[in-house]
Amino acid sequence: MIPKISVIICVFNEEFCLIDALRSIKNNDIYEEVEVIIINDCSYNPLTKRILGLLKRFNYKVFDSPFNLGLSNSRNLGFQNSKSEYIVPLDADDILPTGSLDKIHRTFRENPDADFVYGNYVINIENSQDIIYMNEITENGLCNLKLLLNNWILLGTSPCKKSLWTRAGGYSQKYANSCQDLDFWIRAFKAKANGVFLNETIYQWNRNNSGMNETFDRTDYYLMLKEHHLFLSMFQNKKQLVNTISEGFYKHKKLKNLVFFNLKNLMLLNYKNILRPMLLVWSNLKK
């Protein structure tokens, strides 16, 4: 029997959080028809390994990555092994509010042309909690890319069809430990992804100060923007976007990237960014 939804959980030493994530999946009417896929990205914590071993005995689908290659590789393994067309990525330290899977599945069924479903979500940061309302990027019930690019609040783990993952080319290994979600969604929009708004809270993001979103190399973000800047400039001010990328390379002292990017986009740069490669060279010579 084909499951109604596949939930993909990527794990790296998150033993206690994983239990909470699995419990949250049970709080759905369609739970018995949900496929849960757990990708172990070479966890070395003994308790995590023991829990994963027990889950295998209870018929959970646990796949072990042969190497610690980061979130992109783990997500791709999950999508490759999923049997449902409807996929819900769930980070091991996050949870799904009660009934989320029921609502997501119903929305997909009622909107057969939708490539993905996005909804409101809760952010927990230490002792504070906030709800992000997605109506700010929505027009006529659909995701408006221009609104989104001016206010990127789309959750990286938004539910999508497996066919969209295929069209977008999966998650890029280039950004496996940084901005893999943002890169994936930009490529999904390049593939003409169509998103339907579910006006419900469907995810709880337990964000912490030591997580990937706080610690990744910000240079990757600017390299990713550079990779997609021609597409992004169709919906954003091209001059502003080019100068943002140039400033990012300067800020992170990436002289080679800065020089080549500036030469290619010289006519769009403001005078500060035109001078900055020389300032960076001068700074290096002084050391």
Protein backbone atom coordinates (compact mmCIF):
# COMPACT_ATOMS: atom_id res chain seq x y z
CA MET A 1 0.00 0.00 0.00
CA ILE A 2 1.29 3.45 -0.92
CA PRO A 3 1.48 5.67 2.18
CA LYS A 4 -0.50 8.91 2.20
CA ILE A 5 2.52 10.94 3.35
CA SER A 6 6.21 10.26 3.90
CA VAL A 7 7.91 12.10 6.78
CA ILE A 8 11.70 12.37 6.47
CA ILE A 9 13.70 12.92 9.66
CA CYS A 10 17.45 13.51 9.40
CA VAL A 11 19.35 12.65 12.57
CA PHE A 12 22.81 13.48 13.85
CA ASN A 13 23.12 12.77 17.60
CA GLU A 14 19.69 14.21 18.52
CA GLU A 15 18.49 11.31 20.65
CA PHE A 16 15.99 13.02 22.98
CA CYS A 17 14.66 15.44 20.37
CA LEU A 18 14.05 12.55 17.98
CA ILE A 19 11.62 10.91 20.42
CA ASP A 20 9.59 14.15 20.64
CA ALA A 21 9.54 14.44 16.84
CA LEU A 22 8.27 10.86 16.49
CA ARG A 23 5.59 11.42 19.14
CA SER A 24 4.31 14.48 17.29
CA ILE A 25 3.79 12.43 14.12
CA LYS A 26 1.42 10.10 15.98
CA ASN A 27 -1.02 12.94 16.68
CA ASN A 28 -2.73 12.59 13.30
CA ASP A 29 -5.75 10.62 12.11
CA ILE A 30 -3.79 9.31 9.11
CA TYR A 31 -0.86 8.14 11.28
CA GLU A 32 -1.31 4.46 10.36
CA GLU A 33 -0.88 5.44 6.69
CA VAL A 34 2.19 7.62 7.25
CA GLU A 35 5.64 6.42 6.20
CA VAL A 36 8.37 7.57 8.62
CA ILE A 37 11.89 7.54 7.16
CA ILE A 38 14.85 8.27 9.45
CA ILE A 39 18.24 9.08 7.95
CA ASN A 40 21.16 8.59 10.31
CA ASP A 41 24.03 10.85 9.21
CA CYS A 42 26.76 8.85 11.02
CA SER A 43 25.65 9.61 14.57
CA TYR A 44 28.35 8.63 17.05
CA ASN A 45 26.48 9.26 20.31
CA PRO A 46 25.95 5.82 21.96
CA LEU A 47 22.42 6.64 23.12
CA THR A 48 21.39 7.89 19.67
CA LYS A 49 22.76 4.70 18.11
CA ARG A 50 20.90 2.57 20.65
CA ILE A 51 17.60 4.39 20.02
CA LEU A 52 18.01 4.05 16.26
CA GLY A 53 18.68 0.33 16.71
CA LEU A 54 15.47 -0.05 18.71
CA LEU A 55 13.51 1.88 16.09
CA LYS A 56 14.74 -0.55 13.42
CA ARG A 57 13.41 -3.44 15.52
CA PHE A 58 10.01 -1.71 15.67
CA ASN A 59 9.90 -1.55 11.87
CA TYR A 60 10.80 2.11 11.44
CA LYS A 61 12.64 2.71 8.19
CA VAL A 62 16.12 3.76 9.33
CA PHE A 63 18.76 4.34 6.66
CA ASP A 64 22.42 4.81 7.61
CA SER A 65 24.46 7.21 5.53
CA PRO A 66 27.89 5.64 4.92
CA PHE A 67 29.58 9.01 5.44
CA ASN A 68 28.77 12.18 7.39
CA LEU A 69 27.91 14.33 4.36
CA GLY A 70 25.48 16.80 5.91
CA LEU A 71 21.81 17.62 5.55
CA SER A 72 21.66 17.76 1.74
CA ASN A 73 22.81 14.16 1.38
CA SER A 74 20.50 12.98 4.17
CA ARG A 75 17.45 14.70 2.71
CA ASN A 76 18.21 13.28 -0.73
CA LEU A 77 18.47 9.77 0.73
CA GLY A 78 15.10 10.29 2.37
CA PHE A 79 13.41 11.46 -0.82
CA GLN A 80 14.99 8.64 -2.84
CA ASN A 81 13.61 6.01 -0.46
CA SER A 82 10.16 7.52 0.09
CA LYS A 83 7.10 5.79 -1.40
CA SER A 84 4.60 8.64 -1.16
CA GLU A 85 4.35 11.55 -3.57
CA TYR A 86 3.73 13.89 -0.61
CA ILE A 87 6.84 14.52 1.48
CA VAL A 88 7.17 16.32 4.82
CA PRO A 89 10.77 17.00 5.90
CA LEU A 90 10.99 17.20 9.70
CA ASP A 91 14.20 18.16 11.47
CA ALA A 92 14.93 15.86 14.40
CA ASP A 93 14.79 18.70 16.93
CA ASP A 94 11.42 20.06 15.68
CA ILE A 95 7.85 18.82 16.04
CA LEU A 96 4.57 18.85 14.15
CA PRO A 97 1.51 20.38 15.86
CA THR A 98 -1.45 18.04 16.33
CA GLY A 99 -3.27 17.26 13.09
CA SER A 100 -0.67 18.86 10.81
CA LEU A 101 -0.27 15.82 8.57
CA ASP A 102 -4.03 15.45 8.22
CA LYS A 103 -4.32 19.08 7.07
CA ILE A 104 -1.31 18.87 4.73
CA HIS A 105 -2.58 15.69 3.09
CA ARG A 106 -6.08 17.14 2.64
CA THR A 107 -4.65 20.31 1.09
CA PHE A 108 -2.60 18.33 -1.42
CA ARG A 109 -5.63 16.24 -2.33
CA GLU A 110 -7.83 19.32 -2.77
CA ASN A 111 -5.17 21.08 -4.88
CA PRO A 112 -3.79 18.48 -7.32
CA ASP A 113 -1.78 21.09 -9.25
CA ALA A 114 0.11 22.24 -6.15
CA ASP A 115 3.80 21.33 -6.00
CA PHE A 116 4.11 22.32 -2.36
CA VAL A 117 2.02 23.35 0.62
CA TYR A 118 3.14 26.06 3.01
CA GLY A 119 1.57 27.21 6.24
CA ASN A 120 2.14 29.26 9.36
CA TYR A 121 4.73 28.00 11.82
CA VAL A 122 5.92 28.51 15.38
CA ILE A 123 9.49 29.54 16.19
CA ASN A 124 10.78 28.67 19.65
CA ILE A 125 13.96 30.51 20.60
CA GLU A 126 15.08 29.72 24.14
CA ASN A 127 12.23 31.05 26.32
CA SER A 128 10.33 33.00 23.66
CA GLN A 129 7.81 31.86 21.09
CA ASP A 130 6.53 33.54 17.97
CA ILE A 131 4.18 32.59 15.13
CA ILE A 132 5.17 33.41 11.55
CA TYR A 133 2.10 34.13 9.44
CA MET A 134 2.56 33.34 5.77
CA ASN A 135 -0.22 35.54 4.44
CA GLU A 136 2.51 38.18 3.95
CA ILE A 137 3.85 36.22 0.95
CA THR A 138 0.48 35.03 -0.33
CA GLU A 139 -1.72 36.35 -3.10
CA ASN A 140 -5.03 34.69 -4.02
CA GLY A 141 -4.11 31.65 -1.93
CA LEU A 142 -0.82 31.04 -3.73
CA CYS A 143 2.83 31.79 -2.92
CA ASN A 144 3.88 35.04 -4.61
CA LEU A 145 7.58 34.78 -5.46
CA LYS A 146 8.15 38.54 -5.65
CA LEU A 147 6.67 39.02 -2.17
CA LEU A 148 8.72 36.08 -0.87
CA LEU A 149 12.02 37.36 -2.24
CA ASN A 150 11.49 40.66 -0.45
CA ASN A 151 10.61 38.88 2.80
CA TRP A 152 11.96 35.32 2.84
CA ILE A 153 9.91 33.61 5.53
CA LEU A 154 9.18 30.35 3.70
CA LEU A 155 10.06 27.44 5.97
CA GLY A 156 12.84 25.29 4.54
CA THR A 157 10.97 22.14 5.56
CA SER A 158 7.74 23.07 3.76
CA PRO A 159 5.92 19.93 2.51
CA CYS A 160 6.37 19.23 -1.19
CA LYS A 161 5.80 16.61 -3.82
CA LYS A 162 8.53 14.14 -4.62
CA SER A 163 8.17 15.17 -8.26
CA LEU A 164 9.17 18.75 -7.34
CA TRP A 165 12.30 17.46 -5.61
CA THR A 166 13.15 15.61 -8.83
CA ARG A 167 12.50 18.66 -11.04
CA ALA A 168 14.62 20.88 -8.79
CA GLY A 169 17.51 18.40 -8.88
CA GLY A 170 17.39 17.53 -5.19
CA TYR A 171 19.43 19.25 -2.49
CA SER A 172 22.84 20.55 -3.54
CA GLN A 173 25.87 19.12 -1.80
CA LYS A 174 27.63 22.47 -2.28
CA TYR A 175 25.57 23.97 0.52
CA ALA A 176 25.10 20.79 2.60
CA ASN A 177 25.98 22.49 5.89
CA SER A 178 24.76 26.02 5.25
CA CYS A 179 21.96 27.31 3.03
CA GLN A 180 20.84 24.07 1.38
CA ASP A 181 17.14 24.82 2.00
CA LEU A 182 17.23 28.29 0.47
CA ASP A 183 19.15 26.99 -2.54
CA PHE A 184 16.67 24.13 -2.99
CA TRP A 185 13.65 26.42 -2.94
CA ILE A 186 15.18 28.89 -5.39
CA ARG A 187 15.83 26.00 -7.78
CA ALA A 188 12.29 24.77 -7.15
CA PHE A 189 10.95 28.18 -8.21
CA LYS A 190 13.20 28.08 -11.25
CA ALA A 191 11.39 24.82 -12.04
CA LYS A 192 8.11 26.79 -11.82
CA ALA A 193 7.01 25.43 -8.45
CA ASN A 194 3.43 26.25 -7.51
CA GLY A 195 2.70 26.61 -3.78
CA VAL A 196 -0.70 26.60 -2.04
CA PHE A 197 -1.22 28.39 1.29
CA LEU A 198 -2.66 26.39 4.19
CA ASN A 199 -3.79 28.95 6.74
CA GLU A 200 -2.99 26.78 9.75
CA THR A 201 0.03 26.35 12.01
CA ILE A 202 1.65 23.19 10.67
CA TYR A 203 5.21 23.19 12.08
CA GLN A 204 7.15 24.07 15.20
CA TRP A 205 10.75 25.12 14.66
CA ASN A 206 12.83 24.79 17.82
CA ARG A 207 15.63 27.14 16.91
CA ASN A 208 18.73 27.31 19.10
CA ASN A 209 21.84 29.48 19.22
CA SER A 210 24.15 26.59 18.33
CA GLY A 211 22.13 25.35 15.36
CA MET A 212 23.16 25.46 11.72
CA ASN A 213 21.21 28.66 11.05
CA GLU A 214 23.39 30.51 13.55
CA THR A 215 26.78 28.96 12.84
CA PHE A 216 27.09 28.27 9.09
CA ASP A 217 29.70 29.99 6.92
CA ARG A 218 27.90 33.09 5.59
CA THR A 219 30.16 33.09 2.53
CA ASP A 220 28.05 30.21 1.19
CA TYR A 221 25.01 32.48 1.27
CA TYR A 222 26.65 35.00 -1.06
CA LEU A 223 28.02 32.28 -3.32
CA MET A 224 24.49 30.89 -3.56
CA LEU A 225 23.08 34.34 -4.38
CA LYS A 226 25.75 34.74 -7.05
CA GLU A 227 24.80 31.37 -8.57
CA HIS A 228 21.15 32.38 -8.86
CA HIS A 229 21.40 36.15 -9.24
CA LEU A 230 20.25 36.25 -12.88
CA PHE A 231 17.04 34.46 -11.94
CA LEU A 232 16.55 36.47 -8.76
CA SER A 233 17.07 39.76 -10.61
CA MET A 234 13.90 39.01 -12.60
CA PHE A 235 11.94 39.64 -9.40
CA GLN A 236 14.23 41.99 -7.46
CA ASN A 237 16.12 45.18 -8.16
CA LYS A 238 19.16 43.90 -10.08
CA LYS A 239 21.47 46.70 -9.03
CA GLN A 240 20.60 46.25 -5.36
CA LEU A 241 21.10 42.48 -5.58
CA VAL A 242 24.50 42.80 -7.30
CA ASN A 243 25.74 45.28 -4.69
CA THR A 244 24.50 43.04 -1.86
CA ILE A 245 26.55 40.13 -3.21
CA SER A 246 29.62 42.31 -3.73
CA GLU A 247 29.37 43.67 -0.18
CA GLY A 248 29.08 40.12 1.15
CA PHE A 249 32.27 38.97 -0.57
CA TYR A 250 34.08 42.07 0.76
CA LYS A 251 32.78 41.58 4.29
CA HIS A 252 34.02 37.97 4.35
CA LYS A 253 37.33 38.87 2.68
CA LYS A 254 36.82 36.68 -0.38
CA LEU A 255 39.10 38.66 -2.71
CA LYS A 256 39.03 36.27 -5.68
CA ASN A 257 35.23 36.02 -5.65
CA LEU A 258 34.95 39.78 -5.21
CA VAL A 259 37.25 40.67 -8.11
CA PHE A 260 35.66 38.34 -10.65
CA PHE A 261 32.12 39.20 -9.63
CA ASN A 262 32.81 42.95 -9.68
CA LEU A 263 34.44 42.80 -13.11
CA LYS A 264 31.44 40.97 -14.51
CA ASN A 265 28.94 43.42 -12.98
CA LEU A 266 30.97 46.65 -13.01
CA MET A 267 28.25 48.83 -14.53
CA LEU A 268 25.82 48.00 -11.72
CA LEU A 269 28.16 48.61 -8.78
CA ASN A 270 28.09 51.68 -6.57
CA TYR A 271 31.37 53.53 -6.09
CA LYS A 272 32.07 51.94 -2.70
CA ASN A 273 31.94 48.42 -4.10
CA ILE A 274 34.08 49.44 -7.09
CA LEU A 275 36.82 50.53 -4.68
CA ARG A 276 36.54 47.65 -2.23
CA PRO A 277 38.80 45.12 -4.04
CA MET A 278 41.63 47.65 -3.82
CA LEU A 279 40.89 48.19 -0.13
CA LEU A 280 41.02 44.45 0.46
CA VAL A 281 44.33 44.15 -1.40
CA TRP A 282 45.74 47.04 0.63
CA SER A 283 44.57 45.40 3.83
CA ASN A 284 46.29 42.13 2.89
CA LEU A 285 49.54 43.93 2.03
CA LYS A 286 49.61 45.63 5.44
CA LYS A 287 49.58 42.32 7.27
